[in-house]
Protein backbone atom coordinates (compact mmCIF):
# COMPACT_ATOMS: atom_id res chain seq x y z
CA MET A 1 11.52 -19.40 -35.81
CA LEU A 2 9.07 -18.74 -38.61
CA THR A 3 11.01 -15.57 -39.77
CA ASP A 4 14.14 -17.64 -40.17
CA SER A 5 12.69 -19.53 -43.02
CA LEU A 6 11.46 -16.48 -44.93
CA THR A 7 13.35 -14.73 -47.62
CA PRO A 8 13.66 -10.96 -47.73
CA ALA A 9 11.41 -10.93 -50.68
CA ALA A 10 8.75 -12.94 -48.71
CA VAL A 11 8.90 -10.44 -45.85
CA ALA A 12 8.54 -7.52 -48.20
CA SER A 13 5.59 -9.20 -49.78
CA ILE A 14 3.99 -9.61 -46.36
CA LYS A 15 4.56 -5.97 -45.46
CA ASN A 16 2.85 -4.90 -48.71
CA GLN A 17 -0.16 -7.25 -48.04
CA HIS A 18 -0.56 -6.03 -44.53
CA ALA A 19 0.54 -2.48 -44.67
CA HIS A 20 -1.85 -1.25 -41.97
CA LEU A 21 -0.28 -3.52 -39.47
CA PHE A 22 3.27 -2.30 -40.02
CA SER A 23 2.19 1.23 -40.26
CA GLY A 24 0.78 0.90 -36.70
CA GLN A 25 4.10 -0.42 -35.52
CA ARG A 26 6.00 2.43 -37.14
CA LYS A 27 3.46 4.88 -35.46
CA TYR A 28 4.09 3.24 -32.17
CA LEU A 29 7.86 3.62 -32.52
CA ARG A 30 7.59 7.13 -33.60
CA LEU A 31 5.44 7.90 -30.50
CA LEU A 32 7.91 6.16 -28.23
CA GLY A 33 10.82 8.21 -29.74
CA ILE A 34 9.09 11.50 -29.28
CA SER A 35 8.23 10.63 -25.66
CA ALA A 36 11.85 9.78 -25.01
CA LEU A 37 12.96 13.13 -26.44
CA VAL A 38 10.38 15.04 -24.42
CA VAL A 39 11.56 13.46 -21.20
CA LEU A 40 15.28 14.16 -22.12
CA ALA A 41 14.31 17.80 -22.93
CA TYR A 42 12.47 18.04 -19.53
CA TYR A 43 15.55 17.02 -17.60
CA LEU A 44 17.82 19.30 -19.42
CA LEU A 45 15.49 22.32 -18.91
CA PHE A 46 15.05 21.28 -15.21
CA PHE A 47 18.77 21.44 -14.59
CA ARG A 48 19.20 24.49 -16.75
CA TYR A 49 16.52 26.80 -15.26
CA TYR A 50 16.79 25.63 -11.63
CA GLY A 51 20.51 26.47 -11.44
CA ILE A 52 21.91 22.94 -10.97
CA PRO A 53 25.29 22.85 -12.75
CA LEU A 54 27.11 19.64 -13.57
CA SER A 55 29.86 20.56 -11.10
CA GLN A 56 27.46 20.70 -8.25
CA PHE A 57 25.86 17.53 -9.28
CA THR A 58 29.29 15.74 -9.41
CA HIS A 59 30.27 17.36 -6.13
CA GLY A 60 27.16 16.17 -4.53
CA CYS A 61 27.74 12.46 -5.67
CA ALA A 62 31.17 12.66 -4.18
CA GLU A 63 29.80 13.96 -0.83
CA ILE A 64 27.16 11.18 -0.86
CA GLY A 65 29.97 8.68 -1.18
CA LYS A 66 31.66 10.02 1.79
CA TYR A 67 28.41 9.88 3.88
CA PHE A 68 27.94 6.21 2.81
CA LEU A 69 31.55 5.51 3.80
CA ARG A 70 30.92 6.97 7.31
CA MET A 71 27.75 4.96 7.66
CA PHE A 72 29.50 1.74 7.33
CA VAL A 73 32.36 2.43 9.62
CA TRP A 74 30.95 1.95 13.04
CA GLN A 75 33.15 3.49 15.77
CA ASN A 76 32.90 2.64 19.49
CA PHE A 77 30.05 0.30 18.81
CA SER A 78 30.11 -1.21 22.27
CA ASP A 79 29.49 2.11 23.92
CA TRP A 80 26.36 3.00 22.06
CA PRO A 81 23.10 3.46 24.16
CA PHE A 82 21.37 0.44 22.74
CA THR A 83 18.58 0.64 25.39
CA TYR A 84 17.68 3.97 24.32
CA TYR A 85 17.73 3.19 20.62
CA PHE A 86 15.52 0.15 21.08
CA THR A 87 13.21 2.03 23.29
CA GLN A 88 12.54 4.66 20.69
CA ILE A 89 12.12 1.92 18.08
CA ALA A 90 9.52 0.26 20.34
CA ILE A 91 7.72 3.59 20.70
CA THR A 92 7.56 4.00 16.90
CA LEU A 93 6.10 0.57 16.56
CA ALA A 94 3.53 1.32 19.26
CA ILE A 95 2.62 4.62 17.54
CA VAL A 96 2.19 2.79 14.13
CA PHE A 97 0.06 0.00 15.53
CA ALA A 98 -2.12 2.33 17.58
CA GLY A 99 -2.67 4.76 14.72
CA THR A 100 -3.14 2.23 11.94
CA ILE A 101 -5.47 -0.11 13.74
CA THR A 102 -7.54 2.83 15.04
CA ALA A 103 -7.69 4.35 11.51
CA SER A 104 -8.65 1.06 9.91
CA PHE A 105 -11.65 0.54 12.05
CA LEU A 106 -12.76 4.19 11.81
CA ALA A 107 -12.27 4.16 8.07
CA LEU A 108 -14.50 1.07 7.62
CA PRO A 109 -17.89 2.66 8.37
CA LEU A 110 -16.68 5.70 6.72
CA SER A 111 -16.03 3.79 3.55
CA PHE A 112 -19.61 2.52 3.42
CA LEU A 113 -20.84 6.20 3.46
CA ALA A 114 -18.53 6.93 0.66
CA ALA A 115 -19.30 3.79 -1.56
CA ARG A 116 -21.61 4.66 -4.49
CA ASN A 117 -23.19 1.24 -4.54
CA VAL A 118 -24.30 1.67 -0.90
CA MET A 119 -25.41 5.30 -1.05
CA THR A 120 -27.71 4.78 -4.06
CA THR A 121 -30.79 6.91 -3.33
CA PRO A 122 -31.10 10.61 -4.17
CA MET A 123 -30.97 11.56 -0.62
CA LEU A 124 -27.81 9.52 0.15
CA LYS A 125 -25.67 10.44 -2.81
CA PRO A 126 -24.84 13.97 -1.51
CA ILE A 127 -23.69 12.32 1.66
CA SER A 128 -21.39 10.18 -0.33
CA LEU A 129 -20.05 13.19 -2.22
CA ILE A 130 -19.33 15.04 1.05
CA VAL A 131 -17.64 12.05 2.67
CA ARG A 132 -15.47 11.67 -0.39
CA ARG A 133 -14.38 15.26 -0.26
CA LEU A 134 -13.66 15.07 3.40
CA MET A 135 -11.40 12.14 2.87
CA ASP A 136 -9.59 14.01 0.09
CA ILE A 137 -8.81 16.72 2.59
CA LEU A 138 -7.60 14.24 5.14
CA ARG A 139 -5.14 12.50 2.93
CA GLY A 140 -4.23 15.74 1.12
CA LEU A 141 -1.94 16.74 4.02
CA ASP A 142 1.09 14.84 4.57
CA MET A 143 1.77 12.89 7.85
CA ALA A 144 4.47 15.32 8.87
CA ILE A 145 2.07 18.34 8.41
CA TRP A 146 -0.47 16.52 10.67
CA GLY A 147 2.29 15.81 13.10
CA LEU A 148 3.22 19.58 13.37
CA ILE A 149 -0.53 20.40 13.78
CA PHE A 150 -1.09 17.91 16.79
CA VAL A 151 2.28 18.70 18.31
CA ARG A 152 1.01 22.35 18.65
CA ALA A 153 -2.37 21.03 19.84
CA VAL A 154 -1.56 18.15 22.36
CA GLY A 155 2.13 18.67 22.91
CA MET A 156 5.25 16.72 22.02
CA GLY A 157 5.02 12.92 22.37
CA PRO A 158 3.57 9.62 21.02
CA LEU A 159 -0.15 11.05 21.16
CA ALA A 160 0.70 13.60 18.51
CA GLY A 161 2.12 10.75 16.26
CA VAL A 162 -0.79 8.61 16.72
CA LEU A 163 -3.31 11.30 15.83
CA ALA A 164 -1.25 12.19 12.74
CA ILE A 165 -1.37 8.64 11.57
CA ILE A 166 -4.98 8.38 12.13
CA MET A 167 -5.90 11.55 10.24
CA GLN A 168 -3.80 10.59 7.23
CA ASP A 169 -4.82 6.95 7.14
CA LEU A 170 -8.50 7.79 7.76
CA GLY A 171 -8.68 9.53 4.31
CA LEU A 172 -6.53 7.03 2.50
CA LEU A 173 -7.91 3.72 3.84
CA GLY A 174 -11.48 5.16 3.59
CA LYS A 175 -10.98 5.80 -0.07
CA LEU A 176 -9.43 2.44 -0.69
CA PHE A 177 -12.15 0.57 1.20
CA ALA A 178 -15.01 2.39 -0.57
CA GLU A 179 -13.36 1.36 -3.97
CA GLY A 180 -13.26 -2.26 -2.59
CA HIS A 181 -16.97 -2.09 -1.78
CA GLU A 182 -17.86 -0.80 -5.20
CA ALA A 183 -15.84 -3.62 -7.01
CA VAL A 184 -17.81 -6.44 -5.46
CA GLU A 185 -20.32 -8.63 -7.25
CA ARG A 186 -23.77 -7.24 -6.81
CA SER A 187 -25.63 -10.52 -7.26
CA PRO A 188 -25.45 -11.47 -3.43
CA SER A 189 -26.92 -8.17 -2.32
CA ARG A 190 -29.80 -8.59 -4.70
CA GLY A 191 -30.42 -12.14 -3.54
CA LEU A 192 -30.47 -10.88 0.11
CA ARG A 193 -32.85 -8.16 -0.59
CA ALA A 194 -35.18 -10.56 -2.49
CA LEU A 195 -34.99 -12.70 0.69
CA GLY A 196 -36.16 -9.62 2.81
CA ALA A 197 -32.72 -8.66 4.28
CA ASN A 198 -32.62 -5.19 5.80
CA PRO A 199 -29.90 -2.85 4.57
CA LEU A 200 -27.57 -3.60 7.34
CA GLN A 201 -27.64 -7.25 6.64
CA THR A 202 -27.24 -6.62 2.92
CA HIS A 203 -24.09 -4.52 3.40
CA ARG A 204 -22.76 -6.95 6.05
CA PHE A 205 -23.25 -10.20 4.21
CA GLY A 206 -23.50 -8.95 0.64
CA ILE A 207 -20.64 -6.49 0.30
CA PHE A 208 -18.30 -6.71 3.27
CA THR A 209 -18.05 -10.46 2.99
CA GLN A 210 -16.54 -9.95 -0.47
CA SER A 211 -14.52 -6.80 0.33
CA PHE A 212 -12.98 -8.23 3.50
CA PRO A 213 -9.91 -9.46 1.76
CA THR A 214 -9.30 -5.88 0.41
CA PHE A 215 -9.83 -4.54 3.90
CA LEU A 216 -7.30 -7.01 5.49
CA ALA A 217 -4.70 -6.60 2.74
CA LEU A 218 -4.70 -2.80 2.74
CA SER A 219 -4.66 -2.60 6.59
CA LEU A 220 -1.64 -4.88 6.82
CA TYR A 221 0.16 -2.98 3.99
CA GLN A 222 -0.57 0.26 5.67
CA ILE A 223 1.16 -0.86 8.81
CA GLU A 224 4.23 -1.73 7.02
CA SER A 225 4.13 1.70 5.14
CA ASN A 226 3.56 3.58 8.46
CA THR A 227 6.52 1.83 10.01
CA ARG A 228 8.76 3.35 7.38
CA SER A 229 6.96 6.75 7.34
CA ALA A 230 6.68 7.26 11.03
CA ALA A 231 10.33 7.91 11.42
CA VAL A 232 9.67 11.33 10.00
CA LEU A 233 7.32 12.14 12.90
CA GLY A 234 10.14 12.36 15.35
CA PHE A 235 11.65 15.15 13.34
CA VAL A 236 8.61 17.30 14.12
CA GLY A 237 8.45 16.14 17.78
CA ALA A 238 5.88 13.45 17.52
CA GLY A 239 8.00 10.98 19.34
CA GLY A 240 9.60 7.81 18.07
CA VAL A 241 12.85 6.89 16.36
CA GLY A 242 12.82 10.07 14.33
CA LEU A 243 14.27 11.87 17.33
CA VAL A 244 17.20 9.49 17.27
CA TYR A 245 17.69 10.24 13.62
CA ALA A 246 17.44 13.97 14.09
CA GLU A 247 19.97 13.88 17.06
CA ASN A 248 22.63 11.82 15.27
CA MET A 249 22.30 13.53 11.92
CA ARG A 250 22.87 16.87 13.71
CA LEU A 251 25.99 15.34 15.37
CA TRP A 252 27.15 13.72 12.21
CA ASN A 253 26.90 10.26 13.62
CA TRP A 254 26.08 8.48 10.38
CA ASP A 255 27.08 5.17 11.66
CA VAL A 256 24.24 5.30 14.18
CA VAL A 257 21.85 6.45 11.42
CA MET A 258 22.77 3.30 9.41
CA PHE A 259 22.47 1.15 12.32
CA ILE A 260 18.92 2.37 13.06
CA THR A 261 18.08 2.07 9.40
CA LEU A 262 19.11 -1.52 9.32
CA ILE A 263 17.08 -2.33 12.32
CA LEU A 264 13.91 -0.70 10.84
CA VAL A 265 14.60 -2.68 7.50
CA VAL A 266 14.74 -5.89 9.43
CA ILE A 267 11.57 -5.01 11.23
CA VAL A 268 9.71 -4.14 7.93
CA MET A 269 10.89 -7.47 6.40
CA THR A 270 9.52 -9.37 9.49
CA MET A 271 6.23 -7.53 9.19
CA ASP A 272 5.99 -8.36 5.50
CA LYS A 273 6.54 -12.02 6.31
CA ILE A 274 3.79 -12.03 8.96
CA SER A 275 1.45 -10.11 6.55
CA SER A 276 1.91 -12.64 3.77
CA MET A 277 1.18 -15.46 6.30
CA LEU A 278 -2.01 -13.73 7.35
CA ARG A 279 -3.07 -13.01 3.72
CA ALA A 280 -2.47 -16.48 2.75
CA LYS A 281 -4.51 -17.81 5.75
CA TYR A 282 -7.41 -15.25 5.56
CA ILE A 283 -7.58 -14.22 1.95
CA VAL A 284 -6.30 -17.07 -0.12
CA GLY A 285 -7.56 -19.69 2.26
CA LYS A 286 -7.37 -23.46 1.86
CA GLU A 287 -9.22 -25.79 -0.40
CA ILE A 288 -12.14 -27.55 1.31
CA GLU A 289 -13.33 -30.92 0.05
CA MET A 290 -16.77 -30.99 -1.30
CA TYR A 291 -19.37 -32.74 0.85
CA GLN A 292 -20.12 -36.21 -0.53
CA PRO A 293 -22.97 -38.16 1.05
CA GLN A 294 -22.08 -41.66 2.05
CA GLU A 295 -23.76 -44.48 0.18
CA THR A 296 -26.63 -46.00 2.15
CA LYS A 297 -25.53 -49.36 3.20
CA ARG A 298 -28.22 -52.05 2.37
CA PRO A 299 -28.22 -55.38 4.26
CA LYS A 300 -27.15 -58.18 2.15
CA MET A 301 -30.14 -60.30 1.28
CA ALA A 302 -29.45 -64.10 1.23
CA LEU A 303 -30.08 -65.68 -2.06
CA PHE A 304 -32.04 -68.75 -2.14
CA ARG A 305 -31.98 -71.02 -4.98
CA SER A 306 -35.13 -72.86 -5.71
CA ARG A 307 -34.66 -76.57 -5.91
C-alpha cells in the first residue's frame, strides 16, 4: 500500500499540508463517539426509569430459553390435527390474496389522484392534498386495529380480515404508487401532449408505463408482508391461522406454535421465489435484438468481356 512506503515524518508533513482534511476526519470521529454515548445513555435511562432491573432481564432470557426448548421438542406429533392446521393456513392465504389484490387495484386510481405531477392545476392540487391526508389516516391505524373495528362491524370471520388488509394497504400502497408516478421521466408525457393525446392517454402511456415495475414490485412485496402480518388477525377474531396461535399459546403448546411458524416461513420463502421470478420476467425483462434490415439481394450480372 502507499502508506507502507511513507515514513512517520512524511505522514506528519502530509497532515500539516492538508490540515483541513484531517480536521474533518477528527470532527467525524468526535461526532460518532458522541452519538454512541447518547445511545448508551438512552438505554441506561430506559432501563432505569421504566423499572426493568437486571435480574428481571436475566430471568426473562432464561424463560425464553425454556420456551425455545419446548418449541423444538414435538410431543405426540402423529396425533396432531393437521387438517385443521392446514385449513386455517389456507384461510390465511385466501385472506391475504383477496385483501392485497383488491387493495392494489383500488390504490392504483387513488394514487393518480395523489400524484403531484398528475394533479397540477390549481383546482386539482387541493384534491391531491385531501387524498394524501386520507391515505395517511388509513395507514395510520394498524392492521389489528382495523381487524377489531371490522369484527365489531361485520362479525368474526375472514371477511373482517380481508377488509382490515384492504384498509391498511389502501393507504400504504396508494402513497407508494403515487411516489412511483412522481419519479417517472416527464419527457414521454410532454411528447404525448404535443401529439394531441388526452389526459387519460397521457397518464396511461406516459406515466403508468414507466411506473408499472414499481406497481408490480410493491404489490408482490405486500403479499409477502401480509402473509406474515395476517397471523395477528386471528387473535382479534378475523379468521386464519392466528386463531391456532392463540389457542396453542393459551394451552402452552409451544411445539405446535413452532410447527405453524415453520410452515409460514416455508410459504413466505416460496412466495419470495415466485415474486423474484415475476419481477425478473416483467420488470427486468429480456434483451431484444435490434432490428436489422436484410440487405437487398441484387441479381448477379454477367460480365462480358469485349473481344
